[in-house]
Amino acid sequence: MIDYLGDLLEGLLVTFQLSFTALAIGAILGLAASLARIYGNRPLSYVANGYIELIRGTPLTVQLFIIYFGLPSLGLLFSPTFSAIVALGLNSGAYQAEYFRGAIESIGSGQMEAALSVGMSRFQAIVRIILPQTFRLALPSWSNEAAYLPKYSSVAFLVTVPELLARSKLVIAQNLKPLEVYTVVGLIYLVTIASISKILDMLYERYKFTVE
């Protein structure tokens, strides 16, 4: 096992790169989409809702294939890693949008009204009052996305990104021990996801609060 563990850990580093970059992209897209749905005008709200429904209603694998195999027909050619990050980021953003939307809607409307009544603009109220509470309230749901993205990123092997699963296939081709290798890979995923979940649970316990 020691002979190929290094190769698998190199793949795990690529998995982390994909996961955390996609998580950051998804957070930006998700927050923007949730704000557009709640506070945007009708056209903006429709666009945000269309993005969320389209992404949540189609498989991640299909989205990845459209980006990597489909867009070149339109003259848009991306590397395997970039394609995987874009697909994962877009997919994560649609789910994070719902987490943020639920958190925002759980905040009493009286807080926005109070902010406007003391002379704040809507933008100032969102930035100073709504968003700080939103991030804390969304943390439990958001942590699921952060923990599960390393698993979802395994689809990247379909476009030859050398992440953990792709590395495992190369190792198996060399040592012909699929049961042993896949067992180790499963344990790596298990430890990784459990560790991320534990860290995020600790953060939630530290920063959680209730909103009246």
N, C-alpha and C. Protein backbone atom coordinates (compact mmCIF):
# COMPACT_ATOMS: atom_id res chain seq x y z
N MET A 1 0.83 -1.21 0.00
CA MET A 1 0.00 0.00 0.00
C MET A 1 0.86 1.25 0.00
N ILE A 2 1.97 1.21 0.74
CA ILE A 2 2.85 2.37 0.81
C ILE A 2 3.35 2.77 -0.57
N ASP A 3 3.50 1.77 -1.44
CA ASP A 3 4.05 2.03 -2.77
C ASP A 3 3.20 2.99 -3.59
N TYR A 4 1.90 2.93 -3.41
CA TYR A 4 1.03 3.77 -4.24
C TYR A 4 0.29 4.85 -3.45
N LEU A 5 0.49 4.89 -2.14
CA LEU A 5 -0.20 5.89 -1.33
C LEU A 5 0.18 7.31 -1.74
N GLY A 6 1.45 7.51 -2.10
CA GLY A 6 1.89 8.83 -2.53
C GLY A 6 1.14 9.31 -3.75
N ASP A 7 0.91 8.40 -4.71
CA ASP A 7 0.15 8.76 -5.91
C ASP A 7 -1.27 9.17 -5.57
N LEU A 8 -1.88 8.44 -4.64
CA LEU A 8 -3.25 8.76 -4.26
C LEU A 8 -3.31 10.10 -3.53
N LEU A 9 -2.32 10.39 -2.71
CA LEU A 9 -2.32 11.67 -1.99
C LEU A 9 -2.12 12.84 -2.95
N GLU A 10 -1.35 12.61 -4.01
CA GLU A 10 -1.22 13.65 -5.04
C GLU A 10 -2.58 13.91 -5.69
N GLY A 11 -3.32 12.84 -5.92
CA GLY A 11 -4.66 13.00 -6.45
C GLY A 11 -5.58 13.72 -5.48
N LEU A 12 -5.39 13.45 -4.18
CA LEU A 12 -6.21 14.12 -3.17
C LEU A 12 -5.96 15.62 -3.17
N LEU A 13 -4.72 16.03 -3.40
CA LEU A 13 -4.41 17.46 -3.48
C LEU A 13 -5.17 18.12 -4.64
N VAL A 14 -5.26 17.42 -5.76
CA VAL A 14 -6.02 17.95 -6.90
C VAL A 14 -7.50 18.01 -6.54
N THR A 15 -7.99 17.00 -5.81
CA THR A 15 -9.38 17.00 -5.36
C THR A 15 -9.65 18.21 -4.47
N PHE A 16 -8.73 18.53 -3.58
CA PHE A 16 -8.88 19.71 -2.73
C PHE A 16 -8.90 20.99 -3.57
N GLN A 17 -8.02 21.05 -4.55
CA GLN A 17 -7.98 22.23 -5.43
C GLN A 17 -9.31 22.43 -6.12
N LEU A 18 -9.84 21.36 -6.69
CA LEU A 18 -11.13 21.44 -7.37
C LEU A 18 -12.24 21.85 -6.39
N SER A 19 -12.27 21.18 -5.24
CA SER A 19 -13.37 21.37 -4.29
C SER A 19 -13.41 22.77 -3.71
N PHE A 20 -12.28 23.25 -3.22
CA PHE A 20 -12.28 24.53 -2.53
C PHE A 20 -12.42 25.70 -3.50
N THR A 21 -11.86 25.55 -4.71
CA THR A 21 -12.05 26.60 -5.72
C THR A 21 -13.52 26.66 -6.14
N ALA A 22 -14.11 25.49 -6.37
CA ALA A 22 -15.53 25.44 -6.74
C ALA A 22 -16.42 25.95 -5.61
N LEU A 23 -16.04 25.65 -4.38
CA LEU A 23 -16.83 26.12 -3.24
C LEU A 23 -16.83 27.64 -3.17
N ALA A 24 -15.67 28.25 -3.41
CA ALA A 24 -15.57 29.71 -3.39
C ALA A 24 -16.38 30.33 -4.53
N ILE A 25 -16.26 29.76 -5.72
CA ILE A 25 -17.04 30.26 -6.85
C ILE A 25 -18.53 30.09 -6.57
N GLY A 26 -18.90 28.94 -6.03
CA GLY A 26 -20.30 28.69 -5.72
C GLY A 26 -20.85 29.63 -4.68
N ALA A 27 -20.02 29.99 -3.70
CA ALA A 27 -20.47 30.92 -2.66
C ALA A 27 -20.79 32.30 -3.26
N ILE A 28 -19.93 32.75 -4.16
CA ILE A 28 -20.16 34.05 -4.81
C ILE A 28 -21.42 34.00 -5.67
N LEU A 29 -21.52 32.96 -6.50
CA LEU A 29 -22.70 32.84 -7.37
C LEU A 29 -23.97 32.62 -6.55
N GLY A 30 -23.87 31.78 -5.52
CA GLY A 30 -25.05 31.49 -4.70
C GLY A 30 -25.55 32.70 -3.95
N LEU A 31 -24.63 33.48 -3.40
CA LEU A 31 -25.05 34.68 -2.68
C LEU A 31 -25.68 35.69 -3.63
N ALA A 32 -25.05 35.85 -4.80
CA ALA A 32 -25.60 36.79 -5.78
C ALA A 32 -26.99 36.35 -6.25
N ALA A 33 -27.16 35.06 -6.50
CA ALA A 33 -28.45 34.56 -6.96
C ALA A 33 -29.53 34.69 -5.89
N SER A 34 -29.16 34.41 -4.64
CA SER A 34 -30.16 34.52 -3.56
C SER A 34 -30.59 35.97 -3.34
N LEU A 35 -29.64 36.89 -3.40
CA LEU A 35 -29.98 38.32 -3.25
C LEU A 35 -30.83 38.79 -4.43
N ALA A 36 -30.51 38.30 -5.62
CA ALA A 36 -31.29 38.68 -6.80
C ALA A 36 -32.73 38.18 -6.69
N ARG A 37 -32.91 36.98 -6.18
CA ARG A 37 -34.26 36.43 -6.03
C ARG A 37 -35.08 37.20 -5.02
N ILE A 38 -34.44 37.63 -3.94
CA ILE A 38 -35.18 38.27 -2.85
C ILE A 38 -35.31 39.77 -3.03
N TYR A 39 -34.22 40.41 -3.42
CA TYR A 39 -34.22 41.87 -3.48
C TYR A 39 -34.16 42.45 -4.89
N GLY A 40 -33.93 41.61 -5.89
CA GLY A 40 -33.80 42.12 -7.25
C GLY A 40 -35.14 42.43 -7.89
N ASN A 41 -35.09 43.14 -9.02
CA ASN A 41 -36.31 43.41 -9.77
C ASN A 41 -36.77 42.11 -10.44
N ARG A 42 -37.91 42.17 -11.10
CA ARG A 42 -38.50 40.93 -11.64
C ARG A 42 -37.60 40.24 -12.67
N PRO A 43 -37.05 40.96 -13.68
CA PRO A 43 -36.18 40.27 -14.64
C PRO A 43 -34.98 39.61 -13.98
N LEU A 44 -34.36 40.33 -13.03
CA LEU A 44 -33.20 39.78 -12.35
C LEU A 44 -33.57 38.56 -11.53
N SER A 45 -34.72 38.63 -10.90
CA SER A 45 -35.20 37.49 -10.12
C SER A 45 -35.47 36.28 -11.01
N TYR A 46 -36.03 36.52 -12.19
CA TYR A 46 -36.30 35.43 -13.12
C TYR A 46 -35.00 34.77 -13.59
N VAL A 47 -33.99 35.59 -13.87
CA VAL A 47 -32.70 35.05 -14.32
C VAL A 47 -32.08 34.18 -13.22
N ALA A 48 -32.10 34.69 -11.99
CA ALA A 48 -31.54 33.93 -10.87
C ALA A 48 -32.29 32.63 -10.65
N ASN A 49 -33.61 32.70 -10.71
CA ASN A 49 -34.43 31.51 -10.50
C ASN A 49 -34.22 30.50 -11.64
N GLY A 50 -34.07 31.00 -12.87
CA GLY A 50 -33.82 30.12 -14.00
C GLY A 50 -32.49 29.39 -13.87
N TYR A 51 -31.47 30.11 -13.43
CA TYR A 51 -30.15 29.50 -13.22
C TYR A 51 -30.23 28.39 -12.17
N ILE A 52 -30.90 28.68 -11.06
CA ILE A 52 -31.00 27.70 -9.97
C ILE A 52 -31.76 26.46 -10.42
N GLU A 53 -32.89 26.66 -11.07
CA GLU A 53 -33.70 25.52 -11.49
C GLU A 53 -33.01 24.70 -12.57
N LEU A 54 -32.34 25.37 -13.49
CA LEU A 54 -31.64 24.66 -14.57
C LEU A 54 -30.53 23.78 -14.01
N ILE A 55 -29.72 24.34 -13.13
CA ILE A 55 -28.58 23.59 -12.60
C ILE A 55 -29.03 22.49 -11.66
N ARG A 56 -29.99 22.79 -10.79
CA ARG A 56 -30.45 21.78 -9.85
C ARG A 56 -31.26 20.67 -10.54
N GLY A 57 -31.78 20.98 -11.71
CA GLY A 57 -32.61 20.01 -12.42
C GLY A 57 -31.88 19.16 -13.43
N THR A 58 -30.56 19.35 -13.58
CA THR A 58 -29.79 18.56 -14.53
C THR A 58 -28.58 17.93 -13.83
N PRO A 59 -28.13 16.76 -14.29
CA PRO A 59 -27.01 16.09 -13.64
C PRO A 59 -25.70 16.86 -13.79
N LEU A 60 -24.88 16.79 -12.77
CA LEU A 60 -23.57 17.43 -12.81
C LEU A 60 -22.73 16.90 -13.96
N THR A 61 -22.82 15.61 -14.23
CA THR A 61 -22.04 15.02 -15.32
C THR A 61 -22.41 15.64 -16.66
N VAL A 62 -23.69 15.86 -16.88
CA VAL A 62 -24.14 16.49 -18.13
C VAL A 62 -23.59 17.91 -18.23
N GLN A 63 -23.64 18.63 -17.14
CA GLN A 63 -23.11 20.00 -17.13
C GLN A 63 -21.62 20.02 -17.47
N LEU A 64 -20.89 19.09 -16.88
CA LEU A 64 -19.45 19.00 -17.16
C LEU A 64 -19.20 18.67 -18.63
N PHE A 65 -19.96 17.73 -19.18
CA PHE A 65 -19.76 17.35 -20.58
C PHE A 65 -20.10 18.49 -21.53
N ILE A 66 -21.13 19.26 -21.20
CA ILE A 66 -21.49 20.41 -22.05
C ILE A 66 -20.34 21.40 -22.09
N ILE A 67 -19.75 21.66 -20.94
CA ILE A 67 -18.66 22.64 -20.87
C ILE A 67 -17.42 22.14 -21.59
N TYR A 68 -17.06 20.86 -21.33
CA TYR A 68 -15.79 20.35 -21.87
C TYR A 68 -15.91 19.85 -23.31
N PHE A 69 -16.99 19.13 -23.62
CA PHE A 69 -17.14 18.56 -24.95
C PHE A 69 -18.04 19.39 -25.87
N GLY A 70 -19.01 20.09 -25.27
CA GLY A 70 -19.99 20.81 -26.09
C GLY A 70 -19.56 22.20 -26.50
N LEU A 71 -19.00 22.97 -25.58
CA LEU A 71 -18.65 24.35 -25.89
C LEU A 71 -17.57 24.50 -26.96
N PRO A 72 -16.64 23.55 -27.11
CA PRO A 72 -15.67 23.70 -28.21
C PRO A 72 -16.32 23.85 -29.58
N SER A 73 -17.52 23.31 -29.77
CA SER A 73 -18.21 23.47 -31.05
C SER A 73 -18.62 24.92 -31.29
N LEU A 74 -18.63 25.72 -30.21
CA LEU A 74 -18.92 27.15 -30.32
C LEU A 74 -17.65 27.98 -30.28
N GLY A 75 -16.51 27.29 -30.32
CA GLY A 75 -15.23 28.00 -30.29
C GLY A 75 -14.70 28.25 -28.91
N LEU A 76 -15.32 27.68 -27.89
CA LEU A 76 -14.88 27.86 -26.50
C LEU A 76 -14.23 26.58 -26.02
N LEU A 77 -12.91 26.59 -25.97
CA LEU A 77 -12.15 25.39 -25.61
C LEU A 77 -11.46 25.62 -24.27
N PHE A 78 -11.76 24.79 -23.29
CA PHE A 78 -11.21 24.92 -21.95
C PHE A 78 -10.43 23.67 -21.57
N SER A 79 -9.47 23.85 -20.67
CA SER A 79 -8.70 22.71 -20.17
C SER A 79 -9.59 21.82 -19.31
N PRO A 80 -9.20 20.56 -19.11
CA PRO A 80 -10.00 19.68 -18.26
C PRO A 80 -10.20 20.23 -16.85
N THR A 81 -9.13 20.74 -16.24
CA THR A 81 -9.23 21.25 -14.88
C THR A 81 -10.15 22.47 -14.80
N PHE A 82 -9.98 23.39 -15.74
CA PHE A 82 -10.83 24.58 -15.75
C PHE A 82 -12.29 24.20 -15.98
N SER A 83 -12.54 23.27 -16.88
CA SER A 83 -13.91 22.82 -17.15
C SER A 83 -14.54 22.22 -15.90
N ALA A 84 -13.76 21.41 -15.19
CA ALA A 84 -14.28 20.77 -13.98
C ALA A 84 -14.59 21.81 -12.91
N ILE A 85 -13.71 22.78 -12.76
CA ILE A 85 -13.94 23.83 -11.75
C ILE A 85 -15.18 24.64 -12.09
N VAL A 86 -15.35 24.99 -13.35
CA VAL A 86 -16.52 25.76 -13.77
C VAL A 86 -17.80 24.97 -13.51
N ALA A 87 -17.80 23.70 -13.91
CA ALA A 87 -18.99 22.86 -13.72
C ALA A 87 -19.32 22.70 -12.24
N LEU A 88 -18.32 22.41 -11.44
CA LEU A 88 -18.54 22.25 -10.00
C LEU A 88 -18.97 23.56 -9.36
N GLY A 89 -18.36 24.67 -9.79
CA GLY A 89 -18.71 25.97 -9.23
C GLY A 89 -20.14 26.38 -9.55
N LEU A 90 -20.54 26.18 -10.81
CA LEU A 90 -21.91 26.49 -11.21
C LEU A 90 -22.91 25.62 -10.45
N ASN A 91 -22.58 24.34 -10.33
CA ASN A 91 -23.48 23.42 -9.65
C ASN A 91 -23.59 23.77 -8.16
N SER A 92 -22.46 24.01 -7.54
CA SER A 92 -22.47 24.36 -6.13
C SER A 92 -23.20 25.67 -5.88
N GLY A 93 -23.03 26.63 -6.79
CA GLY A 93 -23.67 27.93 -6.64
C GLY A 93 -25.18 27.83 -6.58
N ALA A 94 -25.76 26.94 -7.38
CA ALA A 94 -27.21 26.79 -7.39
C ALA A 94 -27.72 26.25 -6.06
N TYR A 95 -26.99 25.34 -5.47
CA TYR A 95 -27.41 24.79 -4.18
C TYR A 95 -27.15 25.78 -3.05
N GLN A 96 -26.01 26.46 -3.11
CA GLN A 96 -25.71 27.44 -2.08
C GLN A 96 -26.71 28.60 -2.12
N ALA A 97 -27.22 28.91 -3.29
CA ALA A 97 -28.22 29.97 -3.40
C ALA A 97 -29.43 29.67 -2.54
N GLU A 98 -29.83 28.41 -2.52
CA GLU A 98 -30.99 28.02 -1.72
C GLU A 98 -30.66 28.07 -0.23
N TYR A 99 -29.44 27.73 0.14
CA TYR A 99 -29.05 27.83 1.54
C TYR A 99 -29.11 29.28 2.01
N PHE A 100 -28.53 30.17 1.19
CA PHE A 100 -28.51 31.58 1.55
C PHE A 100 -29.91 32.18 1.53
N ARG A 101 -30.72 31.78 0.57
CA ARG A 101 -32.09 32.31 0.49
C ARG A 101 -32.87 31.93 1.75
N GLY A 102 -32.76 30.68 2.16
CA GLY A 102 -33.46 30.26 3.36
C GLY A 102 -33.01 31.02 4.58
N ALA A 103 -31.70 31.29 4.67
CA ALA A 103 -31.18 32.04 5.81
C ALA A 103 -31.69 33.47 5.81
N ILE A 104 -31.68 34.10 4.63
CA ILE A 104 -32.14 35.50 4.54
C ILE A 104 -33.61 35.60 4.89
N GLU A 105 -34.41 34.67 4.39
CA GLU A 105 -35.85 34.72 4.64
C GLU A 105 -36.20 34.42 6.09
N SER A 106 -35.28 33.79 6.82
CA SER A 106 -35.55 33.52 8.23
C SER A 106 -35.29 34.74 9.11
N ILE A 107 -34.65 35.74 8.55
CA ILE A 107 -34.40 36.99 9.29
C ILE A 107 -35.65 37.85 9.21
N GLY A 108 -36.11 38.32 10.33
CA GLY A 108 -37.34 39.10 10.36
C GLY A 108 -37.29 40.32 9.46
N SER A 109 -38.37 40.58 8.73
CA SER A 109 -38.43 41.73 7.83
C SER A 109 -38.35 43.04 8.60
N GLY A 110 -38.64 42.98 9.89
CA GLY A 110 -38.57 44.20 10.70
C GLY A 110 -37.18 44.77 10.78
N GLN A 111 -36.17 43.93 10.62
CA GLN A 111 -34.79 44.44 10.68
C GLN A 111 -34.48 45.31 9.47
N MET A 112 -34.94 44.91 8.30
CA MET A 112 -34.76 45.73 7.11
C MET A 112 -35.54 47.04 7.24
N GLU A 113 -36.76 46.94 7.71
CA GLU A 113 -37.59 48.14 7.88
C GLU A 113 -36.96 49.10 8.88
N ALA A 114 -36.42 48.56 9.97
CA ALA A 114 -35.79 49.41 10.96
C ALA A 114 -34.56 50.11 10.40
N ALA A 115 -33.79 49.38 9.60
CA ALA A 115 -32.59 49.97 9.00
C ALA A 115 -32.96 51.09 8.04
N LEU A 116 -34.00 50.89 7.25
CA LEU A 116 -34.44 51.92 6.31
C LEU A 116 -34.99 53.13 7.05
N SER A 117 -35.62 52.87 8.19
CA SER A 117 -36.23 53.98 8.93
C SER A 117 -35.20 54.90 9.58
N VAL A 118 -33.99 54.39 9.81
CA VAL A 118 -32.95 55.24 10.41
C VAL A 118 -32.03 55.85 9.35
N GLY A 119 -32.40 55.73 8.09
CA GLY A 119 -31.68 56.41 7.03
C GLY A 119 -30.72 55.56 6.23
N MET A 120 -30.62 54.26 6.50
CA MET A 120 -29.77 53.40 5.69
C MET A 120 -30.41 53.16 4.33
N SER A 121 -29.55 53.00 3.32
CA SER A 121 -30.06 52.57 2.03
C SER A 121 -30.28 51.06 2.10
N ARG A 122 -31.00 50.52 1.14
CA ARG A 122 -31.22 49.07 1.14
C ARG A 122 -29.89 48.33 1.02
N PHE A 123 -28.99 48.84 0.20
CA PHE A 123 -27.68 48.21 0.05
C PHE A 123 -26.94 48.18 1.37
N GLN A 124 -26.92 49.31 2.09
CA GLN A 124 -26.25 49.36 3.38
C GLN A 124 -26.87 48.40 4.38
N ALA A 125 -28.18 48.30 4.37
CA ALA A 125 -28.87 47.40 5.29
C ALA A 125 -28.52 45.94 4.99
N ILE A 126 -28.44 45.61 3.71
CA ILE A 126 -28.09 44.24 3.35
C ILE A 126 -26.68 43.90 3.80
N VAL A 127 -25.75 44.82 3.52
CA VAL A 127 -24.33 44.56 3.82
C VAL A 127 -24.07 44.55 5.33
N ARG A 128 -24.65 45.49 6.06
CA ARG A 128 -24.32 45.65 7.47
C ARG A 128 -25.18 44.82 8.42
N ILE A 129 -26.39 44.52 8.01
CA ILE A 129 -27.31 43.86 8.93
C ILE A 129 -27.71 42.46 8.46
N ILE A 130 -28.11 42.35 7.20
CA ILE A 130 -28.64 41.07 6.71
C ILE A 130 -27.55 40.03 6.48
N LEU A 131 -26.49 40.42 5.76
CA LEU A 131 -25.48 39.43 5.40
C LEU A 131 -24.73 38.82 6.58
N PRO A 132 -24.31 39.62 7.59
CA PRO A 132 -23.63 38.97 8.72
C PRO A 132 -24.46 37.88 9.39
N GLN A 133 -25.76 38.11 9.50
CA GLN A 133 -26.64 37.09 10.08
C GLN A 133 -26.82 35.93 9.10
N THR A 134 -26.90 36.24 7.82
CA THR A 134 -27.10 35.21 6.81
C THR A 134 -25.99 34.17 6.84
N PHE A 135 -24.74 34.63 6.91
CA PHE A 135 -23.62 33.71 6.89
C PHE A 135 -23.66 32.74 8.07
N ARG A 136 -24.02 33.26 9.22
CA ARG A 136 -24.08 32.39 10.40
C ARG A 136 -25.26 31.42 10.33
N LEU A 137 -26.40 31.91 9.90
CA LEU A 137 -27.57 31.06 9.82
C LEU A 137 -27.44 29.99 8.74
N ALA A 138 -26.72 30.30 7.67
CA ALA A 138 -26.57 29.36 6.57
C ALA A 138 -25.47 28.33 6.81
N LEU A 139 -24.68 28.52 7.85
CA LEU A 139 -23.51 27.67 8.06
C LEU A 139 -23.84 26.18 8.15
N PRO A 140 -24.88 25.75 8.88
CA PRO A 140 -25.15 24.31 8.94
C PRO A 140 -25.43 23.69 7.57
N SER A 141 -26.26 24.35 6.76
CA SER A 141 -26.55 23.82 5.42
C SER A 141 -25.35 23.97 4.51
N TRP A 142 -24.68 25.10 4.61
CA TRP A 142 -23.52 25.36 3.77
C TRP A 142 -22.40 24.38 4.05
N SER A 143 -22.28 23.95 5.30
CA SER A 143 -21.22 23.01 5.67
C SER A 143 -21.41 21.67 4.97
N ASN A 144 -22.65 21.29 4.70
CA ASN A 144 -22.89 20.06 3.95
C ASN A 144 -22.30 20.15 2.55
N GLU A 145 -22.47 21.31 1.93
CA GLU A 145 -21.92 21.51 0.59
C GLU A 145 -20.40 21.43 0.61
N ALA A 146 -19.79 22.06 1.62
CA ALA A 146 -18.33 22.05 1.74
C ALA A 146 -17.80 20.64 1.97
N ALA A 147 -18.54 19.85 2.75
CA ALA A 147 -18.09 18.50 3.05
C ALA A 147 -18.28 17.55 1.88
N TYR A 148 -19.35 17.74 1.11
CA TYR A 148 -19.66 16.80 0.04
C TYR A 148 -18.97 17.10 -1.27
N LEU A 149 -18.48 18.32 -1.46
CA LEU A 149 -17.84 18.68 -2.73
C LEU A 149 -16.65 17.78 -3.08
N PRO A 150 -15.83 17.35 -2.12
CA PRO A 150 -14.75 16.42 -2.50
C PRO A 150 -15.29 15.15 -3.15
N LYS A 151 -16.46 14.68 -2.72
CA LYS A 151 -17.06 13.52 -3.38
C LYS A 151 -17.55 13.87 -4.78
N TYR A 152 -18.25 15.00 -4.89
CA TYR A 152 -18.77 15.39 -6.20
C TYR A 152 -17.65 15.62 -7.21
N SER A 153 -16.49 16.06 -6.72
CA SER A 153 -15.40 16.39 -7.64
C SER A 153 -14.86 15.16 -8.35
N SER A 154 -15.26 13.97 -7.91
CA SER A 154 -14.77 12.75 -8.56
C SER A 154 -15.24 12.65 -10.02
N VAL A 155 -16.29 13.40 -10.40
CA VAL A 155 -16.73 13.36 -11.80
C VAL A 155 -15.66 13.92 -12.73
N ALA A 156 -14.71 14.66 -12.18
CA ALA A 156 -13.67 15.28 -13.01
C ALA A 156 -12.79 14.25 -13.70
N PHE A 157 -12.74 13.02 -13.16
CA PHE A 157 -11.92 12.00 -13.80
C PHE A 157 -12.46 11.67 -15.20
N LEU A 158 -13.75 11.97 -15.45
CA LEU A 158 -14.35 11.70 -16.75
C LEU A 158 -13.76 12.56 -17.85
N VAL A 159 -13.14 13.69 -17.47
CA VAL A 159 -12.49 14.55 -18.47
C VAL A 159 -10.99 14.59 -18.23
N THR A 160 -10.47 13.52 -17.65
CA THR A 160 -9.02 13.27 -17.48
C THR A 160 -8.33 14.18 -16.47
N VAL A 161 -9.06 14.79 -15.55
CA VAL A 161 -8.41 15.55 -14.49
C VAL A 161 -7.80 14.54 -13.51
N PRO A 162 -6.51 14.69 -13.15
CA PRO A 162 -5.85 13.69 -12.31
C PRO A 162 -6.16 13.81 -10.82
N GLU A 163 -7.46 13.79 -10.50
CA GLU A 163 -7.84 13.85 -9.08
C GLU A 163 -7.76 12.46 -8.46
N LEU A 164 -8.29 12.30 -7.26
CA LEU A 164 -8.09 11.07 -6.50
C LEU A 164 -8.58 9.82 -7.24
N LEU A 165 -9.79 9.87 -7.77
CA LEU A 165 -10.34 8.68 -8.45
C LEU A 165 -9.55 8.35 -9.71
N ALA A 166 -9.16 9.38 -10.45
CA ALA A 166 -8.38 9.15 -11.67
C ALA A 166 -7.03 8.53 -11.32
N ARG A 167 -6.42 9.01 -10.26
CA ARG A 167 -5.14 8.43 -9.82
C ARG A 167 -5.31 6.97 -9.42
N SER A 168 -6.43 6.67 -8.79
CA SER A 168 -6.64 5.28 -8.36
C SER A 168 -6.72 4.35 -9.57
N LYS A 169 -7.30 4.82 -10.65
CA LYS A 169 -7.40 3.99 -11.85
C LYS A 169 -6.01 3.73 -12.45
N LEU A 170 -5.16 4.73 -12.40
CA LEU A 170 -3.78 4.55 -12.89
C LEU A 170 -3.03 3.55 -12.02
N VAL A 171 -3.23 3.65 -10.71
CA VAL A 171 -2.57 2.72 -9.79
C VAL A 171 -3.04 1.29 -10.04
N ILE A 172 -4.34 1.13 -10.24
CA ILE A 172 -4.89 -0.20 -10.49
C ILE A 172 -4.34 -0.79 -11.78
N ALA A 173 -4.15 0.06 -12.78
CA ALA A 173 -3.59 -0.42 -14.05
C ALA A 173 -2.18 -0.95 -13.87
N GLN A 174 -1.49 -0.48 -12.82
CA GLN A 174 -0.11 -0.90 -12.57
C GLN A 174 -0.03 -2.13 -11.66
N ASN A 175 -0.86 -2.15 -10.60
CA ASN A 175 -0.70 -3.24 -9.63
C ASN A 175 -1.81 -4.30 -9.69
N LEU A 176 -2.87 -4.01 -10.47
CA LEU A 176 -3.97 -4.97 -10.66
C LEU A 176 -4.59 -5.42 -9.33
N LYS A 177 -4.77 -4.46 -8.43
CA LYS A 177 -5.39 -4.76 -7.13
C LYS A 177 -6.55 -3.79 -6.89
N PRO A 178 -7.64 -3.91 -7.67
CA PRO A 178 -8.73 -2.93 -7.56
C PRO A 178 -9.40 -2.89 -6.19
N LEU A 179 -9.61 -4.04 -5.56
CA LEU A 179 -10.27 -4.07 -4.26
C LEU A 179 -9.45 -3.32 -3.22
N GLU A 180 -8.18 -3.58 -3.20
CA GLU A 180 -7.30 -2.93 -2.24
C GLU A 180 -7.25 -1.42 -2.47
N VAL A 181 -7.07 -1.03 -3.71
CA VAL A 181 -6.92 0.40 -4.03
C VAL A 181 -8.21 1.16 -3.76
N TYR A 182 -9.34 0.63 -4.22
CA TYR A 182 -10.61 1.33 -4.02
C TYR A 182 -10.99 1.39 -2.55
N THR A 183 -10.60 0.39 -1.77
CA THR A 183 -10.84 0.44 -0.32
C THR A 183 -10.07 1.59 0.30
N VAL A 184 -8.82 1.74 -0.08
CA VAL A 184 -8.00 2.84 0.43
C VAL A 184 -8.58 4.18 0.00
N VAL A 185 -9.01 4.26 -1.26
CA VAL A 185 -9.61 5.50 -1.77
C VAL A 185 -10.87 5.85 -0.97
N GLY A 186 -11.70 4.83 -0.73
CA GLY A 186 -12.91 5.06 0.06
C GLY A 186 -12.59 5.58 1.45
N LEU A 187 -11.56 5.03 2.08
CA LEU A 187 -11.16 5.47 3.41
C LEU A 187 -10.64 6.91 3.38
N ILE A 188 -9.92 7.24 2.32
CA ILE A 188 -9.42 8.62 2.19
C ILE A 188 -10.58 9.61 2.08
N TYR A 189 -11.56 9.27 1.25
CA TYR A 189 -12.75 10.13 1.15
C TYR A 189 -13.45 10.24 2.50
N LEU A 190 -13.59 9.11 3.18
CA LEU A 190 -14.29 9.09 4.46
C LEU A 190 -13.61 9.98 5.49
N VAL A 191 -12.30 9.84 5.62
CA VAL A 191 -11.54 10.65 6.58
C VAL A 191 -11.60 12.12 6.21
N THR A 192 -11.48 12.41 4.91
CA THR A 192 -11.50 13.80 4.44
C THR A 192 -12.83 14.47 4.76
N ILE A 193 -13.92 13.81 4.40
CA ILE A 193 -15.25 14.39 4.60
C ILE A 193 -15.59 14.50 6.08
N ALA A 194 -15.21 13.49 6.86
CA ALA A 194 -15.47 13.53 8.31
C ALA A 194 -14.68 14.67 8.96
N SER A 195 -13.46 14.90 8.51
CA SER A 195 -12.63 15.97 9.08
C SER A 195 -13.21 17.34 8.76
N ILE A 196 -13.61 17.53 7.50
CA ILE A 196 -14.20 18.81 7.11
C ILE A 196 -15.48 19.06 7.89
N SER A 197 -16.31 18.03 8.01
CA SER A 197 -17.58 18.17 8.75
C SER A 197 -17.32 18.53 10.21
N LYS A 198 -16.33 17.91 10.81
CA LYS A 198 -16.02 18.18 12.21
C LYS A 198 -15.56 19.62 12.41
N ILE A 199 -14.70 20.09 11.53
CA ILE A 199 -14.21 21.47 11.63
C ILE A 199 -15.36 22.46 11.49
N LEU A 200 -16.24 22.22 10.52
CA LEU A 200 -17.36 23.13 10.30
C LEU A 200 -18.37 23.06 11.44
N ASP A 201 -18.55 21.88 12.03
CA ASP A 201 -19.43 21.77 13.19
C ASP A 201 -18.89 22.59 14.36
N MET A 202 -17.58 22.57 14.53
CA MET A 202 -16.95 23.37 15.60
C MET A 202 -17.15 24.86 15.36
N LEU A 203 -17.03 25.27 14.10
CA LEU A 203 -17.27 26.68 13.77
C LEU A 203 -18.71 27.07 14.04
N TYR A 204 -19.62 26.19 13.68
CA TYR A 204 -21.03 26.48 13.91
C TYR A 204 -21.34 26.61 15.40
N GLU A 205 -20.80 25.72 16.21
CA GLU A 205 -21.05 25.78 17.65
C GLU A 205 -20.49 27.07 18.25
N ARG A 206 -19.43 27.56 17.65
CA ARG A 206 -18.81 28.80 18.17
C ARG A 206 -19.59 30.04 17.77
N TYR A 207 -20.11 30.04 16.54
CA TYR A 207 -20.71 31.28 16.03
C TYR A 207 -22.23 31.23 15.90
N LYS A 208 -22.87 30.13 16.25
CA LYS A 208 -24.31 30.04 16.05
C LYS A 208 -25.04 31.03 16.95
N PHE A 209 -26.21 31.46 16.48
CA PHE A 209 -27.10 32.29 17.28
C PHE A 209 -28.49 32.19 16.69
N THR A 210 -29.43 32.63 17.40
CA THR A 210 -30.82 32.61 16.92
C THR A 210 -31.23 34.03 16.54
N VAL A 211 -32.18 34.09 15.62
CA VAL A 211 -32.70 35.40 15.17
C VAL A 211 -34.15 35.51 15.58
N GLU A 212 -34.49 36.56 16.23
CA GLU A 212 -35.89 36.79 16.63
C GLU A 212 -36.65 37.39 15.47
